[in-house]
N, C-alpha and C. Protein backbone atom coordinates (compact mmCIF):
# COMPACT_ATOMS: atom_id res chain seq x y z
N MET A 1 14.02 44.85 198.55
CA MET A 1 14.88 45.44 199.00
C MET A 1 14.92 45.98 200.47
N GLN A 2 15.95 45.99 201.11
CA GLN A 2 16.09 46.85 202.59
C GLN A 2 16.22 48.35 202.78
N SER A 3 15.75 49.01 203.07
CA SER A 3 15.79 50.18 203.42
C SER A 3 17.38 51.12 203.42
N ARG A 4 17.59 51.73 203.68
CA ARG A 4 18.64 52.55 203.83
C ARG A 4 19.11 53.42 204.27
N ARG A 5 20.15 53.34 205.33
CA ARG A 5 20.59 54.37 206.47
C ARG A 5 20.38 55.66 206.08
N SER A 6 21.69 55.36 204.89
CA SER A 6 21.94 56.91 204.27
C SER A 6 21.77 56.60 202.63
N PRO A 7 22.25 57.37 201.30
CA PRO A 7 22.74 57.03 200.23
C PRO A 7 24.46 56.65 200.54
N CYS A 8 25.50 56.96 201.37
CA CYS A 8 26.33 56.54 201.36
C CYS A 8 26.91 54.95 201.12
N PRO A 9 27.63 55.63 200.06
CA PRO A 9 28.10 54.20 199.48
C PRO A 9 28.67 53.45 200.45
N ILE A 10 29.01 53.83 201.29
CA ILE A 10 30.44 52.99 202.51
C ILE A 10 29.42 52.51 203.63
N ALA A 11 28.10 53.19 203.68
CA ALA A 11 27.02 52.68 204.72
C ALA A 11 26.13 51.24 204.28
N CYS A 12 25.76 51.85 202.90
CA CYS A 12 24.78 50.60 201.36
C CYS A 12 25.99 49.36 201.67
N THR A 13 26.87 49.46 201.63
CA THR A 13 27.69 48.05 201.27
C THR A 13 27.73 47.44 202.75
N LEU A 14 28.37 48.29 203.26
CA LEU A 14 28.34 47.56 204.66
C LEU A 14 26.57 47.09 205.11
N ASP A 15 25.88 47.68 205.13
CA ASP A 15 24.68 46.98 205.07
C ASP A 15 24.16 45.61 204.96
N LEU A 16 25.17 45.10 203.20
CA LEU A 16 24.83 43.91 202.80
C LEU A 16 26.09 43.22 203.21
N ILE A 17 27.27 43.39 203.30
CA ILE A 17 27.64 42.33 203.86
C ILE A 17 29.10 43.01 204.97
N GLY A 18 28.98 43.81 205.64
CA GLY A 18 29.91 44.03 206.48
C GLY A 18 29.42 43.28 208.42
N ASP A 19 28.95 42.16 208.26
CA ASP A 19 28.76 41.65 209.25
C ASP A 19 29.92 41.06 209.48
N ARG A 20 30.28 40.28 210.36
CA ARG A 20 31.48 38.91 210.91
C ARG A 20 31.77 38.32 209.87
N TRP A 21 30.91 37.93 209.22
CA TRP A 21 30.69 36.03 209.01
C TRP A 21 31.24 36.53 206.87
N THR A 22 30.11 37.16 206.66
CA THR A 22 29.94 37.51 205.01
C THR A 22 31.22 37.64 204.32
N LEU A 23 31.57 38.39 204.69
CA LEU A 23 33.33 38.66 203.65
C LEU A 23 34.06 37.33 204.11
N LEU A 24 34.12 36.76 204.76
CA LEU A 24 34.96 35.38 205.42
C LEU A 24 34.41 34.09 204.20
N ILE A 25 33.28 33.90 204.22
CA ILE A 25 32.52 33.54 202.92
C ILE A 25 32.89 33.08 202.30
N ILE A 26 32.89 34.87 201.49
CA ILE A 26 33.10 35.42 200.16
C ILE A 26 34.78 34.82 199.92
N ARG A 27 35.28 34.85 200.72
CA ARG A 27 36.86 34.81 200.67
C ARG A 27 36.93 32.97 200.54
N ASP A 28 36.34 32.67 201.55
CA ASP A 28 36.37 31.21 201.18
C ASP A 28 36.38 30.61 199.89
N MET A 29 35.35 31.02 199.37
CA MET A 29 34.68 31.10 197.98
C MET A 29 36.12 31.39 196.62
N MET A 30 36.75 32.79 196.93
CA MET A 30 37.21 33.19 196.10
C MET A 30 38.96 32.74 196.39
N PHE A 31 39.18 32.41 197.12
CA PHE A 31 40.94 32.16 197.38
C PHE A 31 40.24 30.68 197.18
N PHE A 32 40.46 30.31 198.56
CA PHE A 32 39.86 28.92 198.99
C PHE A 32 39.04 27.82 198.26
N HIS A 33 38.40 28.13 197.04
CA HIS A 33 37.51 27.22 196.40
C HIS A 33 37.12 26.65 197.26
N LYS A 34 36.53 27.26 198.10
CA LYS A 34 35.32 26.60 199.23
C LYS A 34 34.19 26.37 198.19
N GLN A 35 33.20 25.51 198.41
CA GLN A 35 31.98 25.54 197.90
C GLN A 35 30.57 24.69 198.29
N ARG A 36 31.17 24.13 199.16
CA ARG A 36 29.81 23.08 200.33
C ARG A 36 30.20 23.43 201.68
N PHE A 37 28.86 23.26 202.04
CA PHE A 37 28.71 23.72 203.41
C PHE A 37 29.90 23.31 204.48
N GLU A 38 29.66 21.42 204.32
CA GLU A 38 30.88 21.27 205.16
C GLU A 38 32.21 21.70 205.09
N GLU A 39 32.43 22.27 203.80
CA GLU A 39 33.89 23.32 203.48
C GLU A 39 34.21 24.02 204.22
N PHE A 40 32.65 25.26 204.28
CA PHE A 40 32.87 26.20 204.86
C PHE A 40 32.98 26.22 206.90
N LEU A 41 32.60 24.99 206.89
CA LEU A 41 32.59 24.58 208.25
C LEU A 41 34.63 24.47 209.05
N ASP A 42 34.79 24.02 207.62
CA ASP A 42 36.42 23.88 208.66
C ASP A 42 36.87 24.98 208.63
N SER A 43 36.70 26.20 207.77
CA SER A 43 37.67 27.56 208.33
C SER A 43 37.88 27.89 209.53
N PRO A 44 39.11 28.57 209.52
CA PRO A 44 39.46 28.28 211.19
C PRO A 44 38.48 29.48 212.64
N GLU A 45 37.90 30.23 211.54
CA GLU A 45 37.06 30.95 212.37
C GLU A 45 36.30 30.33 213.26
N GLY A 46 35.26 29.21 213.14
CA GLY A 46 34.81 28.49 213.63
C GLY A 46 32.94 28.83 213.59
N ILE A 47 32.67 29.41 212.29
CA ILE A 47 31.34 29.62 212.42
C ILE A 47 30.29 28.67 212.43
N SER A 48 29.28 28.57 213.19
CA SER A 48 28.09 27.90 213.51
C SER A 48 27.06 27.69 212.25
N THR A 49 26.69 26.36 212.47
CA THR A 49 26.35 25.94 210.97
C THR A 49 24.17 26.87 210.86
N ASN A 50 23.81 27.27 212.23
CA ASN A 50 23.07 28.52 211.35
C ASN A 50 23.30 29.56 210.89
N ILE A 51 24.01 30.00 211.52
CA ILE A 51 24.65 31.38 210.97
C ILE A 51 25.64 31.25 208.98
N LEU A 52 25.74 30.12 209.32
CA LEU A 52 26.30 29.74 208.37
C LEU A 52 25.43 29.83 206.50
N SER A 53 24.11 29.35 207.12
CA SER A 53 23.09 28.42 206.18
C SER A 53 21.98 29.92 206.58
N ASN A 54 22.38 30.53 207.17
CA ASN A 54 21.98 32.23 207.03
C ASN A 54 22.38 32.95 205.87
N ARG A 55 23.87 33.16 206.34
CA ARG A 55 25.19 33.79 205.60
C ARG A 55 24.78 33.26 203.91
N LEU A 56 24.81 31.95 203.65
CA LEU A 56 24.86 31.57 202.24
C LEU A 56 23.68 31.78 201.70
N LYS A 57 22.38 31.68 202.31
CA LYS A 57 20.88 32.63 201.96
C LYS A 57 21.07 33.35 201.43
N LEU A 58 21.93 34.69 202.51
CA LEU A 58 21.84 36.10 202.19
C LEU A 58 22.57 36.13 200.26
N LEU A 59 23.79 35.77 200.76
CA LEU A 59 24.59 35.49 199.34
C LEU A 59 23.96 35.16 198.46
N GLU A 60 22.38 34.14 198.39
CA GLU A 60 22.31 33.83 197.19
C GLU A 60 21.13 35.05 196.85
N GLU A 61 20.83 35.60 197.97
CA GLU A 61 19.40 36.79 197.98
C GLU A 61 19.92 38.23 197.49
N LEU A 62 21.35 38.27 197.77
CA LEU A 62 21.65 39.28 196.86
C LEU A 62 22.37 39.16 195.56
N GLY A 63 22.36 38.18 195.46
CA GLY A 63 22.92 38.42 193.61
C GLY A 63 24.76 37.70 194.22
N LEU A 64 25.33 37.53 195.05
CA LEU A 64 26.62 37.47 195.20
C LEU A 64 27.15 36.10 194.68
N ALA A 65 26.11 35.15 195.55
CA ALA A 65 26.57 33.48 195.10
C ALA A 65 25.23 33.06 194.56
N GLU A 66 25.15 31.67 194.30
CA GLU A 66 24.44 31.05 193.65
C GLU A 66 24.02 29.39 194.24
N LYS A 67 23.58 28.30 193.90
CA LYS A 67 23.60 27.40 194.36
C LYS A 67 22.94 26.41 193.53
N GLN A 68 23.70 25.00 193.30
CA GLN A 68 23.60 23.85 192.41
C GLN A 68 23.07 22.88 193.25
N LEU A 69 22.73 22.06 193.16
CA LEU A 69 22.69 20.30 193.51
C LEU A 69 24.26 19.78 193.01
N TYR A 70 24.93 19.20 193.90
CA TYR A 70 26.22 18.34 193.97
C TYR A 70 25.97 17.03 193.66
N SER A 71 24.68 16.23 194.36
CA SER A 71 24.95 15.39 194.18
C SER A 71 23.07 14.85 194.05
N ASN A 72 22.96 13.43 193.67
CA ASN A 72 21.10 12.98 193.64
C ASN A 72 20.28 13.40 195.11
N HIS A 73 21.33 14.01 196.25
CA HIS A 73 20.43 14.24 197.34
C HIS A 73 19.77 15.29 197.25
N SER A 74 18.99 16.01 197.54
CA SER A 74 18.33 17.70 196.99
C SER A 74 18.58 18.60 198.50
N ARG A 75 19.72 17.33 199.20
CA ARG A 75 19.76 18.78 200.72
C ARG A 75 21.27 19.26 199.87
N ARG A 76 21.79 18.83 198.79
CA ARG A 76 23.57 18.80 198.98
C ARG A 76 23.69 19.59 197.80
N MET A 77 24.56 20.97 198.48
CA MET A 77 24.47 22.06 197.27
C MET A 77 26.09 22.53 197.42
N SER A 78 26.34 23.28 196.37
CA SER A 78 27.27 23.81 196.23
C SER A 78 27.07 25.20 195.81
N TYR A 79 27.88 26.12 196.45
CA TYR A 79 28.31 27.39 195.70
C TYR A 79 29.00 28.17 195.73
N GLN A 80 28.57 28.90 194.58
CA GLN A 80 29.82 29.33 193.48
C GLN A 80 29.36 31.37 193.60
N LEU A 81 30.79 31.62 193.91
CA LEU A 81 30.32 33.39 193.50
C LEU A 81 29.96 33.56 191.82
N THR A 82 28.73 34.95 192.04
CA THR A 82 28.40 34.69 190.55
C THR A 82 29.30 36.19 190.00
N GLU A 83 29.34 36.82 189.04
CA GLU A 83 30.33 38.17 188.68
C GLU A 83 29.97 38.58 189.52
N ARG A 84 28.52 39.27 190.36
CA ARG A 84 28.87 40.37 191.02
C ARG A 84 29.43 40.28 192.42
N GLY A 85 29.25 39.10 192.91
CA GLY A 85 30.54 38.09 193.95
C GLY A 85 32.40 38.43 193.86
N LYS A 86 32.24 38.18 192.39
CA LYS A 86 33.21 38.17 192.30
C LYS A 86 33.86 38.98 192.10
N SER A 87 33.48 40.51 191.88
CA SER A 87 33.90 41.58 191.51
C SER A 87 34.16 41.98 193.13
N LEU A 88 33.90 41.82 193.77
CA LEU A 88 34.33 42.09 195.40
C LEU A 88 36.57 41.41 195.54
N ARG A 89 36.52 40.97 194.28
CA ARG A 89 38.39 40.68 194.67
C ARG A 89 38.96 42.02 194.90
N PRO A 90 38.93 42.70 194.20
CA PRO A 90 40.06 44.12 194.89
C PRO A 90 39.88 43.95 196.16
N VAL A 91 38.16 44.47 196.29
CA VAL A 91 37.49 45.01 197.68
C VAL A 91 38.85 43.83 198.91
N LEU A 92 38.64 42.99 198.20
CA LEU A 92 39.38 41.90 199.69
C LEU A 92 40.96 41.27 199.40
N LYS A 93 41.41 41.75 198.35
CA LYS A 93 42.87 42.23 197.91
C LYS A 93 43.22 43.47 198.71
N THR A 94 42.47 44.36 198.49
CA THR A 94 43.21 45.47 199.19
C THR A 94 42.59 45.23 201.24
N MET A 95 42.02 45.17 201.19
CA MET A 95 41.42 44.30 202.56
C MET A 95 43.30 43.41 203.31
N ILE A 96 43.45 42.27 202.25
CA ILE A 96 44.46 42.14 202.55
C ILE A 96 45.78 42.39 202.65
N ALA A 97 46.16 43.37 201.84
CA ALA A 97 47.15 44.53 201.90
C ALA A 97 47.38 45.16 203.11
N TRP A 98 46.36 45.71 203.50
CA TRP A 98 45.84 46.70 204.63
C TRP A 98 46.38 45.80 205.87
N GLY A 99 45.77 44.65 206.19
CA GLY A 99 45.80 44.10 206.93
C GLY A 99 47.10 43.34 206.94
N LEU A 100 47.89 43.24 206.40
CA LEU A 100 49.78 42.68 206.20
C LEU A 100 50.48 43.55 206.76
N LYS A 101 50.34 45.18 206.33
CA LYS A 101 50.87 46.17 206.72
C LYS A 101 50.78 46.75 207.85
N HIS A 102 49.57 46.99 208.69
CA HIS A 102 48.99 47.90 209.53
C HIS A 102 48.65 46.72 210.89
N ILE A 103 48.25 45.36 211.20
CA ILE A 103 48.36 44.13 212.23
C ILE A 103 48.96 43.20 212.11
N PRO A 104 49.88 43.26 213.11
CA PRO A 104 51.15 42.68 213.32
C PRO A 104 50.52 41.12 213.48
N GLU A 105 51.56 40.45 213.38
CA GLU A 105 51.51 39.23 213.08
C GLU A 105 50.21 39.05 212.14
N THR A 106 49.79 39.27 211.21
CA THR A 106 48.91 38.70 209.97
C THR A 106 49.46 38.33 209.12
N GLN A 107 48.73 37.04 208.87
CA GLN A 107 49.86 36.40 207.14
C GLN A 107 48.79 35.72 206.44
N ILE A 108 48.63 35.30 205.49
CA ILE A 108 47.62 34.87 204.01
C ILE A 108 47.55 33.55 205.18
N PRO A 109 46.63 32.51 204.91
CA PRO A 109 46.74 31.55 205.21
C PRO A 109 47.56 30.45 204.24
N ASP A 110 47.71 29.19 204.50
CA ASP A 110 48.09 28.49 203.44
C ASP A 110 46.64 27.75 203.06
N GLU A 111 46.43 27.70 201.00
CA GLU A 111 45.42 27.02 200.62
C GLU A 111 45.33 25.29 201.03
């Protein structure tokens, strides 16, 4: 476990998932049912392959996601949220509602 800047729960949560990509990957798993590396790359935000690899590994280390083989090829993995990862649903739903209310021209993307 990494050292904490403070005991503040907001600071500690941001230390885990507060970068610009992690919550978007969680969003894609949670709301768009993406599971495979290539599917995450298709998201409109345009994440690079090295960042995506890093964040998926981080999500696994944090216990927010788990990976499983999805074919006979040893490098083909699918990713699913764990119960801990799924517990972020109310946080993301609140962010969606806030963004829709306070940021002009935002919308919920089509699935």
